[in-house]
Amino acid sequence: HDRYFLDNVTGWILELDRGQGIPYEGNYSSWLKQKQKRLEQEGREEESRQRTLAREQEWIAASPKARQAKNKARYTRYEELVTKSSERAPQTAQIIIPIAERLGNRVIEAERLSKSFGDRLLIDNLSFKLPPGGIVGVIGPNGAGKT
């Protein structure tokens, strides 16, 4: 669908990102802006984390006794940064929707169906039966009334 349509029918969006659902209130354009801000903030946080990680790597390389007891806490923080950096990598998420029971031999049945959009007649006297597994395609340009 086009942005105009999505802006007018969407009240909230649930974005699935790296295995988490992130809810956004507002329309599609609002979601794009909020997502961009979130990604920019995440980018700044990741840059800061990478700078800190680089400093800590230099410290460990320059300090062979970094693993001694008095420096153990700093080394532990370094390891936590490494772990957090690897956790930020995108992962594949899966949504499993179980197959439902069959409800009957007809999914949709229409008789003498007519539809208009304003003064424009889109469908007139259409009859059909859609069986389970049947496929319907509705083709037309944006704004033609497919929805």
N, C-alpha and C. Protein backbone atom coordinates (compact mmCIF):
# COMPACT_ATOMS: atom_id res chain seq x y z
N HIS A 1 0.83 -1.19 0.00
CA HIS A 1 0.00 0.00 0.00
C HIS A 1 0.88 1.25 0.00
N ASP A 2 0.30 2.35 -0.40
CA ASP A 2 1.07 3.59 -0.41
C ASP A 2 1.01 4.27 0.95
N ARG A 3 1.89 5.24 1.14
CA ARG A 3 2.02 5.91 2.43
C ARG A 3 0.73 6.63 2.84
N TYR A 4 0.06 7.26 1.89
CA TYR A 4 -1.18 7.97 2.21
C TYR A 4 -2.19 7.03 2.84
N PHE A 5 -2.37 5.87 2.22
CA PHE A 5 -3.31 4.88 2.75
C PHE A 5 -2.89 4.42 4.15
N LEU A 6 -1.61 4.06 4.31
CA LEU A 6 -1.13 3.57 5.60
C LEU A 6 -1.24 4.64 6.69
N ASP A 7 -0.97 5.89 6.34
CA ASP A 7 -1.10 6.98 7.31
C ASP A 7 -2.54 7.12 7.80
N ASN A 8 -3.49 6.84 6.93
CA ASN A 8 -4.90 7.05 7.27
C ASN A 8 -5.56 5.87 7.96
N VAL A 9 -4.97 4.69 7.89
CA VAL A 9 -5.61 3.52 8.51
C VAL A 9 -4.84 2.98 9.71
N THR A 10 -3.62 3.44 9.92
CA THR A 10 -2.78 2.89 10.98
C THR A 10 -2.85 3.76 12.22
N GLY A 11 -3.15 3.12 13.37
CA GLY A 11 -3.17 3.82 14.66
C GLY A 11 -1.97 3.47 15.52
N TRP A 12 -1.41 2.29 15.29
CA TRP A 12 -0.20 1.88 16.00
C TRP A 12 0.47 0.77 15.18
N ILE A 13 1.75 0.58 15.40
CA ILE A 13 2.54 -0.41 14.67
C ILE A 13 3.36 -1.21 15.67
N LEU A 14 3.43 -2.51 15.46
CA LEU A 14 4.31 -3.37 16.24
C LEU A 14 5.43 -3.81 15.32
N GLU A 15 6.62 -3.28 15.57
CA GLU A 15 7.79 -3.62 14.76
C GLU A 15 8.51 -4.80 15.40
N LEU A 16 8.81 -5.80 14.61
CA LEU A 16 9.58 -6.94 15.09
C LEU A 16 11.03 -6.70 14.69
N ASP A 17 11.89 -6.53 15.70
CA ASP A 17 13.29 -6.20 15.45
C ASP A 17 14.17 -7.00 16.40
N ARG A 18 15.05 -7.80 15.83
CA ARG A 18 16.01 -8.60 16.60
C ARG A 18 15.34 -9.40 17.71
N GLY A 19 14.23 -10.02 17.36
CA GLY A 19 13.55 -10.90 18.30
C GLY A 19 12.68 -10.20 19.32
N GLN A 20 12.50 -8.89 19.19
CA GLN A 20 11.67 -8.14 20.14
C GLN A 20 10.57 -7.42 19.39
N GLY A 21 9.42 -7.29 20.04
CA GLY A 21 8.33 -6.49 19.49
C GLY A 21 8.40 -5.09 20.08
N ILE A 22 8.48 -4.08 19.21
CA ILE A 22 8.57 -2.69 19.66
C ILE A 22 7.30 -1.97 19.21
N PRO A 23 6.42 -1.59 20.17
CA PRO A 23 5.18 -0.91 19.78
C PRO A 23 5.41 0.58 19.55
N TYR A 24 4.74 1.12 18.54
CA TYR A 24 4.78 2.55 18.23
C TYR A 24 3.35 3.04 18.11
N GLU A 25 3.04 4.16 18.75
CA GLU A 25 1.73 4.77 18.56
C GLU A 25 1.84 5.78 17.43
N GLY A 26 0.79 5.88 16.65
CA GLY A 26 0.77 6.83 15.55
C GLY A 26 0.65 6.12 14.22
N ASN A 27 0.68 6.92 13.16
CA ASN A 27 0.52 6.36 11.82
C ASN A 27 1.87 5.92 11.24
N TYR A 28 1.86 5.54 9.98
CA TYR A 28 3.06 5.01 9.32
C TYR A 28 4.19 6.04 9.28
N SER A 29 3.88 7.28 8.90
CA SER A 29 4.91 8.32 8.82
C SER A 29 5.52 8.58 10.19
N SER A 30 4.68 8.58 11.22
CA SER A 30 5.16 8.78 12.59
C SER A 30 6.10 7.64 12.98
N TRP A 31 5.74 6.41 12.61
CA TRP A 31 6.59 5.25 12.90
C TRP A 31 7.95 5.40 12.22
N LEU A 32 7.95 5.84 10.96
CA LEU A 32 9.23 6.01 10.26
C LEU A 32 10.13 7.01 10.99
N LYS A 33 9.54 8.12 11.46
CA LYS A 33 10.33 9.13 12.18
C LYS A 33 10.84 8.58 13.52
N GLN A 34 9.95 7.91 14.26
CA GLN A 34 10.35 7.36 15.56
C GLN A 34 11.42 6.29 15.38
N LYS A 35 11.28 5.47 14.35
CA LYS A 35 12.27 4.42 14.10
C LYS A 35 13.61 5.04 13.74
N GLN A 36 13.59 6.08 12.91
CA GLN A 36 14.84 6.75 12.52
C GLN A 36 15.55 7.31 13.76
N LYS A 37 14.79 7.95 14.66
CA LYS A 37 15.38 8.48 15.90
C LYS A 37 15.97 7.35 16.74
N ARG A 38 15.23 6.23 16.84
CA ARG A 38 15.72 5.10 17.63
C ARG A 38 17.01 4.54 17.03
N LEU A 39 17.05 4.41 15.71
CA LEU A 39 18.25 3.88 15.06
C LEU A 39 19.43 4.83 15.21
N GLU A 40 19.17 6.14 15.14
CA GLU A 40 20.26 7.11 15.35
C GLU A 40 20.80 7.01 16.76
N GLN A 41 19.90 6.90 17.76
CA GLN A 41 20.33 6.76 19.15
C GLN A 41 21.12 5.47 19.34
N GLU A 42 20.63 4.37 18.77
CA GLU A 42 21.37 3.10 18.86
C GLU A 42 22.74 3.22 18.21
N GLY A 43 22.81 3.95 17.09
CA GLY A 43 24.09 4.15 16.41
C GLY A 43 25.06 4.93 17.29
N ARG A 44 24.57 5.99 17.96
CA ARG A 44 25.44 6.76 18.86
C ARG A 44 25.92 5.89 20.02
N GLU A 45 25.00 5.09 20.58
CA GLU A 45 25.38 4.21 21.68
C GLU A 45 26.41 3.17 21.23
N GLU A 46 26.23 2.64 20.03
CA GLU A 46 27.17 1.64 19.52
C GLU A 46 28.54 2.26 19.26
N GLU A 47 28.56 3.49 18.71
CA GLU A 47 29.84 4.19 18.49
C GLU A 47 30.56 4.40 19.81
N SER A 48 29.83 4.83 20.83
CA SER A 48 30.42 5.05 22.15
C SER A 48 30.95 3.74 22.71
N ARG A 49 30.18 2.68 22.56
CA ARG A 49 30.59 1.36 23.05
C ARG A 49 31.86 0.90 22.31
N GLN A 50 31.93 1.14 21.02
CA GLN A 50 33.10 0.74 20.24
C GLN A 50 34.34 1.54 20.64
N ARG A 51 34.16 2.86 20.91
CA ARG A 51 35.30 3.68 21.37
C ARG A 51 35.82 3.17 22.71
N THR A 52 34.89 2.90 23.63
CA THR A 52 35.28 2.37 24.94
C THR A 52 35.97 1.02 24.78
N LEU A 53 35.45 0.19 23.93
CA LEU A 53 36.03 -1.13 23.68
C LEU A 53 37.45 -1.00 23.14
N ALA A 54 37.66 -0.07 22.21
CA ALA A 54 39.00 0.15 21.64
C ALA A 54 39.97 0.62 22.73
N ARG A 55 39.52 1.55 23.60
CA ARG A 55 40.38 2.02 24.69
C ARG A 55 40.77 0.87 25.61
N GLU A 56 39.78 0.05 25.95
CA GLU A 56 40.03 -1.07 26.84
C GLU A 56 40.96 -2.10 26.19
N GLN A 57 40.82 -2.30 24.89
CA GLN A 57 41.71 -3.24 24.20
C GLN A 57 43.15 -2.72 24.23
N GLU A 58 43.31 -1.40 24.04
CA GLU A 58 44.65 -0.81 24.12
C GLU A 58 45.22 -0.99 25.53
N TRP A 59 44.40 -0.76 26.54
CA TRP A 59 44.84 -0.90 27.93
C TRP A 59 45.28 -2.33 28.21
N ILE A 60 44.50 -3.30 27.75
CA ILE A 60 44.85 -4.71 27.97
C ILE A 60 46.15 -5.06 27.26
N ALA A 61 46.30 -4.57 26.01
CA ALA A 61 47.52 -4.87 25.26
C ALA A 61 48.74 -4.23 25.92
N ALA A 62 48.59 -3.03 26.49
CA ALA A 62 49.72 -2.33 27.10
C ALA A 62 49.99 -2.79 28.52
N SER A 63 49.08 -3.49 29.11
CA SER A 63 49.19 -3.87 30.51
C SER A 63 49.11 -5.39 30.64
N PRO A 64 50.24 -6.08 30.50
CA PRO A 64 50.20 -7.55 30.55
C PRO A 64 49.70 -8.10 31.88
N LYS A 65 49.74 -7.30 32.92
CA LYS A 65 49.25 -7.77 34.21
C LYS A 65 47.79 -7.37 34.42
N ALA A 66 47.09 -7.09 33.33
CA ALA A 66 45.70 -6.63 33.41
C ALA A 66 44.78 -7.63 34.08
N ARG A 67 45.17 -8.86 34.07
CA ARG A 67 44.31 -9.89 34.64
C ARG A 67 44.56 -10.10 36.13
N GLN A 68 45.47 -9.33 36.73
CA GLN A 68 45.73 -9.46 38.16
C GLN A 68 44.54 -8.94 38.95
N ALA A 69 44.47 -9.29 40.21
CA ALA A 69 43.31 -9.02 41.06
C ALA A 69 42.90 -7.55 41.07
N LYS A 70 43.85 -6.61 41.17
CA LYS A 70 43.45 -5.20 41.29
C LYS A 70 42.83 -4.67 40.00
N ASN A 71 43.12 -5.30 38.86
CA ASN A 71 42.56 -4.85 37.59
C ASN A 71 41.44 -5.77 37.09
N LYS A 72 41.04 -6.71 37.90
CA LYS A 72 40.05 -7.71 37.49
C LYS A 72 38.72 -7.05 37.12
N ALA A 73 38.30 -6.04 37.89
CA ALA A 73 37.02 -5.38 37.62
C ALA A 73 37.03 -4.72 36.24
N ARG A 74 38.13 -4.08 35.90
CA ARG A 74 38.21 -3.41 34.60
C ARG A 74 38.18 -4.45 33.47
N TYR A 75 38.85 -5.55 33.67
CA TYR A 75 38.86 -6.61 32.67
C TYR A 75 37.45 -7.21 32.53
N THR A 76 36.74 -7.35 33.64
CA THR A 76 35.37 -7.87 33.60
C THR A 76 34.46 -6.92 32.82
N ARG A 77 34.61 -5.60 33.03
CA ARG A 77 33.83 -4.62 32.27
C ARG A 77 34.13 -4.72 30.78
N TYR A 78 35.39 -4.94 30.44
CA TYR A 78 35.78 -5.11 29.04
C TYR A 78 35.05 -6.32 28.44
N GLU A 79 35.04 -7.42 29.16
CA GLU A 79 34.37 -8.62 28.66
C GLU A 79 32.87 -8.39 28.49
N GLU A 80 32.26 -7.61 29.39
CA GLU A 80 30.84 -7.29 29.27
C GLU A 80 30.58 -6.46 28.01
N LEU A 81 31.49 -5.52 27.70
CA LEU A 81 31.35 -4.72 26.48
C LEU A 81 31.42 -5.60 25.25
N VAL A 82 32.34 -6.54 25.24
CA VAL A 82 32.47 -7.45 24.10
C VAL A 82 31.18 -8.25 23.93
N THR A 83 30.63 -8.72 25.04
CA THR A 83 29.39 -9.50 24.99
C THR A 83 28.24 -8.65 24.48
N LYS A 84 28.12 -7.40 24.97
CA LYS A 84 27.04 -6.52 24.52
C LYS A 84 27.16 -6.22 23.04
N SER A 85 28.39 -6.03 22.55
CA SER A 85 28.58 -5.76 21.13
C SER A 85 28.11 -6.93 20.29
N SER A 86 28.39 -8.14 20.73
CA SER A 86 27.96 -9.31 19.96
C SER A 86 26.46 -9.51 20.06
N GLU A 87 25.85 -9.10 21.18
CA GLU A 87 24.39 -9.23 21.33
C GLU A 87 23.65 -8.29 20.40
N ARG A 88 24.25 -7.18 20.01
CA ARG A 88 23.58 -6.19 19.17
C ARG A 88 23.47 -6.65 17.72
N ALA A 89 24.19 -7.67 17.35
CA ALA A 89 24.14 -8.15 15.97
C ALA A 89 22.73 -8.66 15.66
N PRO A 90 22.20 -8.29 14.49
CA PRO A 90 20.85 -8.75 14.13
C PRO A 90 20.79 -10.28 14.08
N GLN A 91 19.69 -10.80 14.57
CA GLN A 91 19.48 -12.24 14.54
C GLN A 91 18.19 -12.52 13.79
N THR A 92 18.06 -13.73 13.34
CA THR A 92 16.85 -14.13 12.64
C THR A 92 15.78 -14.48 13.67
N ALA A 93 14.59 -13.95 13.46
CA ALA A 93 13.47 -14.25 14.34
C ALA A 93 12.44 -15.06 13.54
N GLN A 94 11.67 -15.85 14.24
CA GLN A 94 10.66 -16.67 13.59
C GLN A 94 9.34 -16.52 14.31
N ILE A 95 8.29 -16.42 13.54
CA ILE A 95 6.95 -16.46 14.10
C ILE A 95 6.30 -17.73 13.55
N ILE A 96 5.85 -18.57 14.44
CA ILE A 96 5.24 -19.82 14.01
C ILE A 96 3.74 -19.72 14.26
N ILE A 97 2.97 -19.81 13.19
CA ILE A 97 1.52 -19.77 13.28
C ILE A 97 1.03 -21.19 13.00
N PRO A 98 0.46 -21.84 14.01
CA PRO A 98 0.03 -23.22 13.80
C PRO A 98 -1.11 -23.32 12.80
N ILE A 99 -1.16 -24.43 12.11
CA ILE A 99 -2.22 -24.67 11.14
C ILE A 99 -3.52 -24.91 11.91
N ALA A 100 -4.55 -24.20 11.51
CA ALA A 100 -5.85 -24.31 12.20
C ALA A 100 -6.64 -25.49 11.63
N GLU A 101 -7.68 -25.85 12.35
CA GLU A 101 -8.58 -26.90 11.87
C GLU A 101 -9.31 -26.42 10.63
N ARG A 102 -9.65 -27.35 9.76
CA ARG A 102 -10.48 -27.00 8.61
C ARG A 102 -11.88 -26.67 9.09
N LEU A 103 -12.40 -25.59 8.59
CA LEU A 103 -13.72 -25.15 9.05
C LEU A 103 -14.84 -25.53 8.10
N GLY A 104 -14.51 -25.92 6.88
CA GLY A 104 -15.56 -26.28 5.93
C GLY A 104 -15.01 -26.37 4.52
N ASN A 105 -15.90 -26.56 3.56
CA ASN A 105 -15.49 -26.71 2.17
C ASN A 105 -15.50 -25.40 1.40
N ARG A 106 -16.07 -24.37 1.98
CA ARG A 106 -16.08 -23.06 1.32
C ARG A 106 -15.53 -22.01 2.26
N VAL A 107 -14.58 -21.25 1.77
CA VAL A 107 -14.02 -20.16 2.57
C VAL A 107 -14.90 -18.93 2.42
N ILE A 108 -15.25 -18.61 1.18
CA ILE A 108 -16.12 -17.46 0.89
C ILE A 108 -17.09 -17.87 -0.22
N GLU A 109 -18.31 -17.41 -0.09
CA GLU A 109 -19.29 -17.59 -1.16
C GLU A 109 -19.98 -16.25 -1.37
N ALA A 110 -19.98 -15.77 -2.59
CA ALA A 110 -20.62 -14.49 -2.91
C ALA A 110 -21.60 -14.70 -4.05
N GLU A 111 -22.76 -14.07 -3.94
CA GLU A 111 -23.77 -14.14 -5.00
C GLU A 111 -24.24 -12.73 -5.32
N ARG A 112 -24.20 -12.41 -6.59
CA ARG A 112 -24.67 -11.12 -7.11
C ARG A 112 -24.07 -9.94 -6.33
N LEU A 113 -22.77 -9.99 -6.11
CA LEU A 113 -22.05 -8.97 -5.36
C LEU A 113 -21.81 -7.74 -6.24
N SER A 114 -22.10 -6.57 -5.70
CA SER A 114 -21.83 -5.31 -6.39
C SER A 114 -21.11 -4.38 -5.42
N LYS A 115 -20.21 -3.59 -5.94
CA LYS A 115 -19.46 -2.64 -5.09
C LYS A 115 -19.14 -1.40 -5.91
N SER A 116 -19.38 -0.26 -5.30
CA SER A 116 -19.01 1.00 -5.95
C SER A 116 -18.20 1.82 -4.97
N PHE A 117 -17.45 2.73 -5.52
CA PHE A 117 -16.62 3.63 -4.74
C PHE A 117 -17.00 5.03 -5.18
N GLY A 118 -17.84 5.68 -4.38
CA GLY A 118 -18.40 6.95 -4.83
C GLY A 118 -19.35 6.67 -5.99
N ASP A 119 -19.19 7.39 -7.09
CA ASP A 119 -20.02 7.18 -8.28
C ASP A 119 -19.44 6.11 -9.19
N ARG A 120 -18.27 5.60 -8.86
CA ARG A 120 -17.57 4.64 -9.72
C ARG A 120 -17.98 3.20 -9.37
N LEU A 121 -18.54 2.48 -10.34
CA LEU A 121 -18.93 1.09 -10.15
C LEU A 121 -17.69 0.22 -10.34
N LEU A 122 -17.32 -0.51 -9.29
CA LEU A 122 -16.12 -1.36 -9.36
C LEU A 122 -16.46 -2.80 -9.72
N ILE A 123 -17.50 -3.34 -9.11
CA ILE A 123 -17.91 -4.73 -9.33
C ILE A 123 -19.43 -4.74 -9.47
N ASP A 124 -19.93 -5.50 -10.44
CA ASP A 124 -21.38 -5.57 -10.63
C ASP A 124 -21.79 -7.02 -10.88
N ASN A 125 -22.67 -7.53 -10.03
CA ASN A 125 -23.27 -8.85 -10.19
C ASN A 125 -22.22 -9.98 -10.25
N LEU A 126 -21.27 -9.95 -9.32
CA LEU A 126 -20.22 -10.97 -9.25
C LEU A 126 -20.65 -12.09 -8.32
N SER A 127 -20.53 -13.33 -8.80
CA SER A 127 -20.82 -14.51 -7.97
C SER A 127 -19.63 -15.45 -8.04
N PHE A 128 -19.23 -16.00 -6.88
CA PHE A 128 -18.12 -16.96 -6.87
C PHE A 128 -18.12 -17.73 -5.56
N LYS A 129 -17.40 -18.87 -5.57
CA LYS A 129 -17.18 -19.68 -4.37
C LYS A 129 -15.68 -19.89 -4.27
N LEU A 130 -15.13 -19.61 -3.11
CA LEU A 130 -13.69 -19.79 -2.89
C LEU A 130 -13.49 -21.01 -1.99
N PRO A 131 -12.86 -22.06 -2.52
CA PRO A 131 -12.63 -23.27 -1.72
C PRO A 131 -11.40 -23.11 -0.83
N PRO A 132 -11.21 -24.00 0.13
CA PRO A 132 -9.99 -23.96 0.94
C PRO A 132 -8.75 -24.05 0.04
N GLY A 133 -7.77 -23.24 0.30
CA GLY A 133 -6.56 -23.22 -0.51
C GLY A 133 -6.69 -22.41 -1.78
N GLY A 134 -7.87 -21.86 -2.03
CA GLY A 134 -8.08 -21.04 -3.22
C GLY A 134 -7.29 -19.74 -3.13
N ILE A 135 -6.95 -19.20 -4.27
CA ILE A 135 -6.15 -17.97 -4.32
C ILE A 135 -6.92 -16.91 -5.07
N VAL A 136 -6.96 -15.71 -4.51
CA VAL A 136 -7.63 -14.59 -5.15
C VAL A 136 -6.61 -13.47 -5.32
N GLY A 137 -6.56 -12.91 -6.49
CA GLY A 137 -5.69 -11.76 -6.74
C GLY A 137 -6.53 -10.56 -7.14
N VAL A 138 -6.28 -9.43 -6.53
CA VAL A 138 -6.97 -8.19 -6.88
C VAL A 138 -5.92 -7.24 -7.40
N ILE A 139 -6.05 -6.88 -8.67
CA ILE A 139 -5.02 -6.09 -9.33
C ILE A 139 -5.60 -4.74 -9.74
N GLY A 140 -4.82 -3.69 -9.54
CA GLY A 140 -5.24 -2.37 -9.96
C GLY A 140 -4.30 -1.32 -9.41
N PRO A 141 -4.34 -0.11 -9.95
CA PRO A 141 -3.45 0.95 -9.48
C PRO A 141 -3.86 1.47 -8.11
N ASN A 142 -2.97 2.19 -7.45
CA ASN A 142 -3.29 2.81 -6.17
C ASN A 142 -4.51 3.71 -6.34
N GLY A 143 -5.40 3.65 -5.37
CA GLY A 143 -6.59 4.50 -5.41
C GLY A 143 -7.74 3.92 -6.21
N ALA A 144 -7.58 2.72 -6.78
CA ALA A 144 -8.64 2.14 -7.60
C ALA A 144 -9.74 1.49 -6.76
N GLY A 145 -9.48 1.24 -5.48
CA GLY A 145 -10.48 0.64 -4.61
C GLY A 145 -10.26 -0.83 -4.31
N LYS A 146 -9.04 -1.31 -4.43
CA LYS A 146 -8.76 -2.73 -4.18
C LYS A 146 -9.05 -3.13 -2.74
N THR A 147 -8.76 -2.28 -1.80
CA THR A 147 -8.95 -2.62 -0.40
C THR A 147 -10.41 -2.78 -0.08
